[in-house]
Each structure stands twice: as structure tokens, then as C-alpha cells.
Amino acid sequence: MMDLPTDIALQFENELLTFEREKQMPYITSIERHGIERGIEQGIEQGIEQGIERGELVGQIRVYQRLSGQQEQPREQLISQTVEALQTQLIQLQQSFDSSDKN
């Protein structure tokens, strides 16, 4: 990396800001671009993982609802819930099923 003298660095910064305003697009360095791409990739991966987890929870909830004779909630209604809410619902169904199974 090159360290510019202060006066040249200020001139460059001013020219860059002028260019960005004229083109209405900020300059993005290759490092920033790489960071953005990496963030997008991580977001996609997390979304896929959460989708898989949510799908598995929905499937398990529906199985417990069938086994316990409860009316199944519509899939769309379940999918719209948070993972935490689905986990809580599954735990409640499991506990209810286990306690009714012992009777």
C-alpha cells in the first residue's frame, strides 16, 4: 500500500468525492467488494440452514399433531413462525404426547 503525502491524499479524496457525486455511485475498493460478497454468501448459507431447520421442525410438529389426534396446523401457518416458537411448540407437543402415552 502506498502512503500519499497529506496534500495529495486530500486532493485525491476531494476528487474521489466529486467523482462519486457526479456518477451517483460510491467507489468500492476490492477489499470492500470482497467483504460484501462474503457477507452475502454467509447470509445465503444462514438462510438455507434456518430454512432446513424450520422445515424439520414443521415436519416433526405435524407428526406429533397426527399421533396425538390433534388437528394439524396448516404448513404455511407453521412456516411463518420463528424457529424459537416452533421449538417451543415441539417441546410442548412432545411433553404432552409423552404424558398421554404413560396414561
C-alpha atoms as a PDB file:
ATOM      1  CA  MET A   1       0.000   0.000   0.000  1.00  0.00           C
ATOM      2  CA  MET A   2       1.244   3.460  -0.838  1.00  0.00           C
ATOM      3  CA  ASP A   3       1.086   6.293   1.680  1.00  0.00           C
ATOM      4  CA  LEU A   4       0.462   9.586  -0.098  1.00  0.00           C
ATOM      5  CA  PRO A   5       1.666  12.931   1.182  1.00  0.00           C
ATOM      6  CA  THR A   6      -1.104  14.736   3.087  1.00  0.00           C
ATOM      7  CA  ASP A   7      -1.798  17.382   0.459  1.00  0.00           C
ATOM      8  CA  ILE A   8      -2.013  14.816  -2.359  1.00  0.00           C
ATOM      9  CA  ALA A   9      -4.156  12.485  -0.219  1.00  0.00           C
ATOM     10  CA  LEU A  10      -6.621  15.328   0.452  1.00  0.00           C
ATOM     11  CA  GLN A  11      -6.690  16.235  -3.228  1.00  0.00           C
ATOM     12  CA  PHE A  12      -7.352  12.603  -4.151  1.00  0.00           C
ATOM     13  CA  GLU A  13     -10.135  12.329  -1.566  1.00  0.00           C
ATOM     14  CA  ASN A  14     -11.790  15.510  -2.854  1.00  0.00           C
ATOM     15  CA  GLU A  15     -11.586  14.349  -6.458  1.00  0.00           C
ATOM     16  CA  LEU A  16     -12.972  10.948  -5.497  1.00  0.00           C
ATOM     17  CA  LEU A  17     -15.907  12.522  -3.629  1.00  0.00           C
ATOM     18  CA  THR A  18     -16.610  14.768  -6.622  1.00  0.00           C
ATOM     19  CA  PHE A  19     -16.499  11.766  -8.938  1.00  0.00           C
ATOM     20  CA  GLU A  20     -18.854   9.798  -6.676  1.00  0.00           C
ATOM     21  CA  ARG A  21     -21.339  12.690  -6.571  1.00  0.00           C
ATOM     22  CA  GLU A  22     -21.234  13.145 -10.338  1.00  0.00           C
ATOM     23  CA  LYS A  23     -21.709   9.463 -11.057  1.00  0.00           C
ATOM     24  CA  GLN A  24     -24.013   8.951  -8.071  1.00  0.00           C
ATOM     25  CA  MET A  25     -22.135   5.830  -7.134  1.00  0.00           C
ATOM     26  CA  PRO A  26     -19.628   5.417  -4.335  1.00  0.00           C
ATOM     27  CA  TYR A  27     -16.258   3.909  -5.109  1.00  0.00           C
ATOM     28  CA  ILE A  28     -15.914   0.464  -3.551  1.00  0.00           C
ATOM     29  CA  THR A  29     -12.449  -0.943  -3.038  1.00  0.00           C
ATOM     30  CA  SER A  30     -11.681  -4.534  -3.901  1.00  0.00           C
ATOM     31  CA  ILE A  31     -11.440  -5.284  -0.181  1.00  0.00           C
ATOM     32  CA  GLU A  32     -14.888  -3.785   0.443  1.00  0.00           C
ATOM     33  CA  ARG A  33     -16.287  -5.676  -2.547  1.00  0.00           C
ATOM     34  CA  HIS A  34     -14.807  -8.920  -1.215  1.00  0.00           C
ATOM     35  CA  GLY A  35     -16.323  -8.203   2.207  1.00  0.00           C
ATOM     36  CA  ILE A  36     -19.730  -7.552   0.666  1.00  0.00           C
ATOM     37  CA  GLU A  37     -19.573 -10.766  -1.381  1.00  0.00           C
ATOM     38  CA  ARG A  38     -18.520 -12.734   1.685  1.00  0.00           C
ATOM     39  CA  GLY A  39     -21.365 -11.238   3.709  1.00  0.00           C
ATOM     40  CA  ILE A  40     -23.861 -12.175   1.000  1.00  0.00           C
ATOM     41  CA  GLU A  41     -22.539 -15.738   0.891  1.00  0.00           C
ATOM     42  CA  GLN A  42     -22.770 -16.043   4.675  1.00  0.00           C
ATOM     43  CA  GLY A  43     -26.311 -14.662   4.614  1.00  0.00           C
ATOM     44  CA  ILE A  44     -27.344 -17.194   1.997  1.00  0.00           C
ATOM     45  CA  GLU A  45     -25.795 -20.044   3.978  1.00  0.00           C
ATOM     46  CA  GLN A  46     -27.529 -18.943   7.180  1.00  0.00           C
ATOM     47  CA  GLY A  47     -30.836 -18.610   5.342  1.00  0.00           C
ATOM     48  CA  ILE A  48     -30.523 -22.121   3.950  1.00  0.00           C
ATOM     49  CA  GLU A  49     -29.630 -23.539   7.371  1.00  0.00           C
ATOM     50  CA  GLN A  50     -32.561 -21.765   9.013  1.00  0.00           C
ATOM     51  CA  GLY A  51     -34.898 -22.924   6.258  1.00  0.00           C
ATOM     52  CA  ILE A  52     -33.805 -26.535   6.717  1.00  0.00           C
ATOM     53  CA  GLU A  53     -34.160 -26.269  10.496  1.00  0.00           C
ATOM     54  CA  ARG A  54     -37.594 -24.664  10.186  1.00  0.00           C
ATOM     55  CA  GLY A  55     -38.706 -27.376   7.731  1.00  0.00           C
ATOM     56  CA  GLU A  56     -37.561 -30.161  10.032  1.00  0.00           C
ATOM     57  CA  LEU A  57     -39.365 -28.599  12.998  1.00  0.00           C
ATOM     58  CA  VAL A  58     -42.566 -28.164  10.987  1.00  0.00           C
ATOM     59  CA  GLY A  59     -42.416 -31.810   9.938  1.00  0.00           C
ATOM     60  CA  GLN A  60     -41.880 -33.017  13.495  1.00  0.00           C
ATOM     61  CA  ILE A  61     -44.706 -30.831  14.819  1.00  0.00           C
ATOM     62  CA  ARG A  62     -47.118 -32.169  12.226  1.00  0.00           C
ATOM     63  CA  VAL A  63     -46.166 -35.775  13.056  1.00  0.00           C
ATOM     64  CA  TYR A  64     -46.786 -35.201  16.775  1.00  0.00           C
ATOM     65  CA  GLN A  65     -50.092 -33.498  15.965  1.00  0.00           C
ATOM     66  CA  ARG A  66     -51.162 -36.521  13.893  1.00  0.00           C
ATOM     67  CA  LEU A  67     -50.027 -39.029  16.520  1.00  0.00           C
ATOM     68  CA  SER A  68     -51.821 -37.211  19.315  1.00  0.00           C
ATOM     69  CA  GLY A  69     -55.012 -36.827  17.295  1.00  0.00           C
ATOM     70  CA  GLN A  70     -54.789 -33.054  17.151  1.00  0.00           C
ATOM     71  CA  GLN A  71     -55.823 -31.124  14.091  1.00  0.00           C
ATOM     72  CA  GLU A  72     -52.721 -30.267  12.094  1.00  0.00           C
ATOM     73  CA  GLN A  73     -51.892 -26.624  11.720  1.00  0.00           C
ATOM     74  CA  PRO A  74     -51.586 -25.514   8.104  1.00  0.00           C
ATOM     75  CA  ARG A  75     -47.992 -25.736   6.895  1.00  0.00           C
ATOM     76  CA  GLU A  76     -47.993 -22.048   5.888  1.00  0.00           C
ATOM     77  CA  GLN A  77     -49.026 -21.041   9.398  1.00  0.00           C
ATOM     78  CA  LEU A  78     -46.219 -23.081  10.930  1.00  0.00           C
ATOM     79  CA  ILE A  79     -43.561 -21.926   8.461  1.00  0.00           C
ATOM     80  CA  SER A  80     -44.325 -18.284   9.220  1.00  0.00           C
ATOM     81  CA  GLN A  81     -43.330 -18.777  12.876  1.00  0.00           C
ATOM     82  CA  THR A  82     -39.838 -18.196  14.235  1.00  0.00           C
ATOM     83  CA  VAL A  83     -37.540 -21.141  14.846  1.00  0.00           C
ATOM     84  CA  GLU A  84     -37.754 -20.444  18.582  1.00  0.00           C
ATOM     85  CA  ALA A  85     -41.566 -20.535  18.536  1.00  0.00           C
ATOM     86  CA  LEU A  86     -41.503 -23.808  16.587  1.00  0.00           C
ATOM     87  CA  GLN A  87     -39.027 -25.323  19.038  1.00  0.00           C
ATOM     88  CA  THR A  88     -41.258 -24.326  21.954  1.00  0.00           C
ATOM     89  CA  GLN A  89     -44.325 -25.789  20.262  1.00  0.00           C
ATOM     90  CA  LEU A  90     -42.493 -29.032  19.501  1.00  0.00           C
ATOM     91  CA  ILE A  91     -41.330 -29.383  23.112  1.00  0.00           C
ATOM     92  CA  GLN A  92     -44.890 -28.844  24.355  1.00  0.00           C
ATOM     93  CA  LEU A  93     -46.227 -31.451  21.918  1.00  0.00           C
ATOM     94  CA  GLN A  94     -43.530 -33.939  22.911  1.00  0.00           C
ATOM     95  CA  GLN A  95     -44.256 -33.449  26.608  1.00  0.00           C
ATOM     96  CA  SER A  96     -47.994 -33.742  26.026  1.00  0.00           C
ATOM     97  CA  PHE A  97     -47.503 -36.869  23.924  1.00  0.00           C
ATOM     98  CA  ASP A  98     -45.164 -38.455  26.469  1.00  0.00           C
ATOM     99  CA  SER A  99     -47.518 -37.770  29.384  1.00  0.00           C
ATOM    100  CA  SER A 100     -50.546 -39.111  27.494  1.00  0.00           C
ATOM    101  CA  ASP A 101     -48.545 -42.161  26.422  1.00  0.00           C
ATOM    102  CA  LYS A 102     -47.864 -43.029  30.095  1.00  0.00           C
ATOM    103  CA  ASN A 103     -51.581 -42.997  30.970  1.00  0.00           C
END
